[in-house]
C-alpha atoms as a PDB file:
ATOM      1  CA  MET A   1    -133.592  10.946  38.670  1.00  0.00           C
ATOM      2  CA  LYS A   2    -133.832   8.045  40.937  1.00  0.00           C
ATOM      3  CA  LYS A   3    -137.661   6.249  41.518  1.00  0.00           C
ATOM      4  CA  LYS A   4    -136.836   5.917  44.628  1.00  0.00           C
ATOM      5  CA  ASP A   5    -135.288  10.401  45.317  1.00  0.00           C
ATOM      6  CA  LEU A   6    -138.510  11.197  43.243  1.00  0.00           C
ATOM      7  CA  MET A   7    -140.852   9.596  46.008  1.00  0.00           C
ATOM      8  CA  ARG A   8    -138.885  11.183  49.435  1.00  0.00           C
ATOM      9  CA  MET A   9    -139.047  14.781  47.185  1.00  0.00           C
ATOM     10  CA  GLU A  10    -142.423  17.211  47.246  1.00  0.00           C
ATOM     11  CA  LEU A  11    -144.967  15.851  44.892  1.00  0.00           C
ATOM     12  CA  ILE A  12    -146.416  19.891  44.702  1.00  0.00           C
ATOM     13  CA  GLY A  13    -145.671  21.809  41.466  1.00  0.00           C
ATOM     14  CA  LEU A  14    -144.330  18.223  39.413  1.00  0.00           C
ATOM     15  CA  SER A  15    -146.613  18.295  36.125  1.00  0.00           C
ATOM     16  CA  THR A  16    -148.113  14.320  35.920  1.00  0.00           C
ATOM     17  CA  GLU A  17    -149.659  12.033  33.746  1.00  0.00           C
ATOM     18  CA  VAL A  18    -153.189   9.726  35.216  1.00  0.00           C
ATOM     19  CA  VAL A  19    -150.938   6.768  33.284  1.00  0.00           C
ATOM     20  CA  SER A  20    -153.443   3.870  34.522  1.00  0.00           C
ATOM     21  CA  ARG A  21    -156.550   2.513  33.253  1.00  0.00           C
ATOM     22  CA  GLY A  22    -159.976   3.578  34.890  1.00  0.00           C
ATOM     23  CA  THR A  23    -161.883   6.777  34.724  1.00  0.00           C
ATOM     24  CA  PHE A  24    -158.317   9.230  35.210  1.00  0.00           C
ATOM     25  CA  ASN A  25    -156.289   7.859  32.826  1.00  0.00           C
ATOM     26  CA  GLY A  26    -154.816  10.015  30.370  1.00  0.00           C
ATOM     27  CA  MET A  27    -155.596  13.057  33.425  1.00  0.00           C
ATOM     28  CA  ARG A  28    -152.189  15.573  32.695  1.00  0.00           C
ATOM     29  CA  GLY A  29    -151.895  18.062  34.971  1.00  0.00           C
ATOM     30  CA  ARG A  30    -149.841  19.973  37.540  1.00  0.00           C
ATOM     31  CA  VAL A  31    -149.064  18.949  41.337  1.00  0.00           C
ATOM     32  CA  VAL A  32    -151.562  21.483  42.657  1.00  0.00           C
ATOM     33  CA  ASP A  33    -152.221  19.500  46.638  1.00  0.00           C
ATOM     34  CA  GLU A  34    -150.957  16.797  47.970  1.00  0.00           C
ATOM     35  CA  THR A  35    -153.448  14.381  50.703  1.00  0.00           C
ATOM     36  CA  ARG A  36    -152.714  11.297  52.444  1.00  0.00           C
ATOM     37  CA  ASN A  37    -154.474   9.575  49.634  1.00  0.00           C
ATOM     38  CA  THR A  38    -155.315  11.949  46.729  1.00  0.00           C
ATOM     39  CA  PHE A  39    -153.478  14.110  45.047  1.00  0.00           C
ATOM     40  CA  VAL A  40    -155.464  18.066  42.859  1.00  0.00           C
ATOM     41  CA  ILE A  41    -153.975  18.434  40.058  1.00  0.00           C
ATOM     42  CA  SER A  42    -154.437  21.709  38.474  1.00  0.00           C
ATOM     43  CA  THR A  43    -156.147  20.236  34.349  1.00  0.00           C
ATOM     44  CA  PRO A  44    -157.353  22.451  32.061  1.00  0.00           C
ATOM     45  CA  LYS A  45    -160.901  22.403  32.778  1.00  0.00           C
ATOM     46  CA  GLY A  46    -159.869  22.738  36.468  1.00  0.00           C
ATOM     47  CA  GLU A  47    -158.655  21.198  39.826  1.00  0.00           C
ATOM     48  CA  ARG A  48    -159.294  17.517  39.755  1.00  0.00           C
ATOM     49  CA  THR A  49    -158.608  15.791  43.211  1.00  0.00           C
ATOM     50  CA  VAL A  50    -157.612  12.168  41.498  1.00  0.00           C
ATOM     51  CA  PRO A  51    -157.141   9.210  44.614  1.00  0.00           C
ATOM     52  CA  LYS A  52    -153.211   7.024  44.710  1.00  0.00           C
ATOM     53  CA  GLU A  53    -154.433   4.203  45.304  1.00  0.00           C
ATOM     54  CA  GLY A  54    -155.125   2.100  42.293  1.00  0.00           C
ATOM     55  CA  ASN A  55    -153.479   4.826  39.629  1.00  0.00           C
ATOM     56  CA  GLU A  56    -149.932   4.740  38.289  1.00  0.00           C
ATOM     57  CA  PHE A  57    -148.266   8.429  38.442  1.00  0.00           C
ATOM     58  CA  LEU A  58    -146.429   9.184  35.495  1.00  0.00           C
ATOM     59  CA  PHE A  59    -144.133  12.805  37.634  1.00  0.00           C
ATOM     60  CA  THR A  60    -142.149  15.546  35.227  1.00  0.00           C
ATOM     61  CA  TYR A  61    -138.605  15.799  36.449  1.00  0.00           C
ATOM     62  CA  ASP A  62    -135.299  17.824  35.123  1.00  0.00           C
ATOM     63  CA  GLU A  63    -136.940  16.534  31.694  1.00  0.00           C
ATOM     64  CA  GLN A  64    -137.410  13.441  33.020  1.00  0.00           C
ATOM     65  CA  GLY A  65    -140.983  10.632  33.317  1.00  0.00           C
ATOM     66  CA  ILE A  66    -140.416   8.797  36.350  1.00  0.00           C
ATOM     67  CA  ALA A  67    -143.492   6.606  36.660  1.00  0.00           C
ATOM     68  CA  ILE A  68    -144.933   5.889  40.477  1.00  0.00           C
ATOM     69  CA  GLN A  69    -147.646   3.140  42.100  1.00  0.00           C
ATOM     70  CA  GLY A  70    -149.857   5.975  43.888  1.00  0.00           C
ATOM     71  CA  SER A  71    -149.899   2.345  45.915  1.00  0.00           C
ATOM     72  CA  ASP A  72    -146.529   3.490  47.185  1.00  0.00           C
ATOM     73  CA  ILE A  73    -146.879   6.330  48.059  1.00  0.00           C
ATOM     74  CA  LEU A  74    -150.210   6.604  50.064  1.00  0.00           C
ATOM     75  CA  HIS A  75    -147.927   8.679  52.698  1.00  0.00           C
ATOM     76  CA  ARG A  76    -149.377  11.626  54.507  1.00  0.00           C
ATOM     77  CA  PRO A  77    -146.380  13.794  52.258  1.00  0.00           C
ATOM     78  CA  GLU A  78    -144.101  14.436  55.670  1.00  0.00           C
ATOM     79  CA  ASP A  79    -144.469  10.982  56.376  1.00  0.00           C
ATOM     80  CA  ARG A  80    -143.245   9.957  52.867  1.00  0.00           C
ATOM     81  CA  ILE A  81    -139.669  11.058  53.391  1.00  0.00           C
ATOM     82  CA  LYS A  82    -139.340   9.192  56.618  1.00  0.00           C
ATOM     83  CA  LYS A  83    -140.935   5.438  55.097  1.00  0.00           C
ATOM     84  CA  VAL A  84    -139.992   5.098  51.342  1.00  0.00           C
ATOM     85  CA  ARG A  85    -136.629   3.445  51.046  1.00  0.00           C
END
């Protein structure tokens, strides 16, 4: 799967890891909700809200890891399909 294809998909339900520097680095879990600016990730320690801006996410899809900059998907989920090219 290509990065742009994943960026157009529904990301809720996918496993992810935050791979950027900062407070959320290394956080792993499953995306349970998404807004324009954030992901809610279910972790072993509970649900955490992570801002897209300033973070890079490594999503796992079909056993393949695909890294996406949060700033590249700063759209409402329903609008992302139309805006990502």
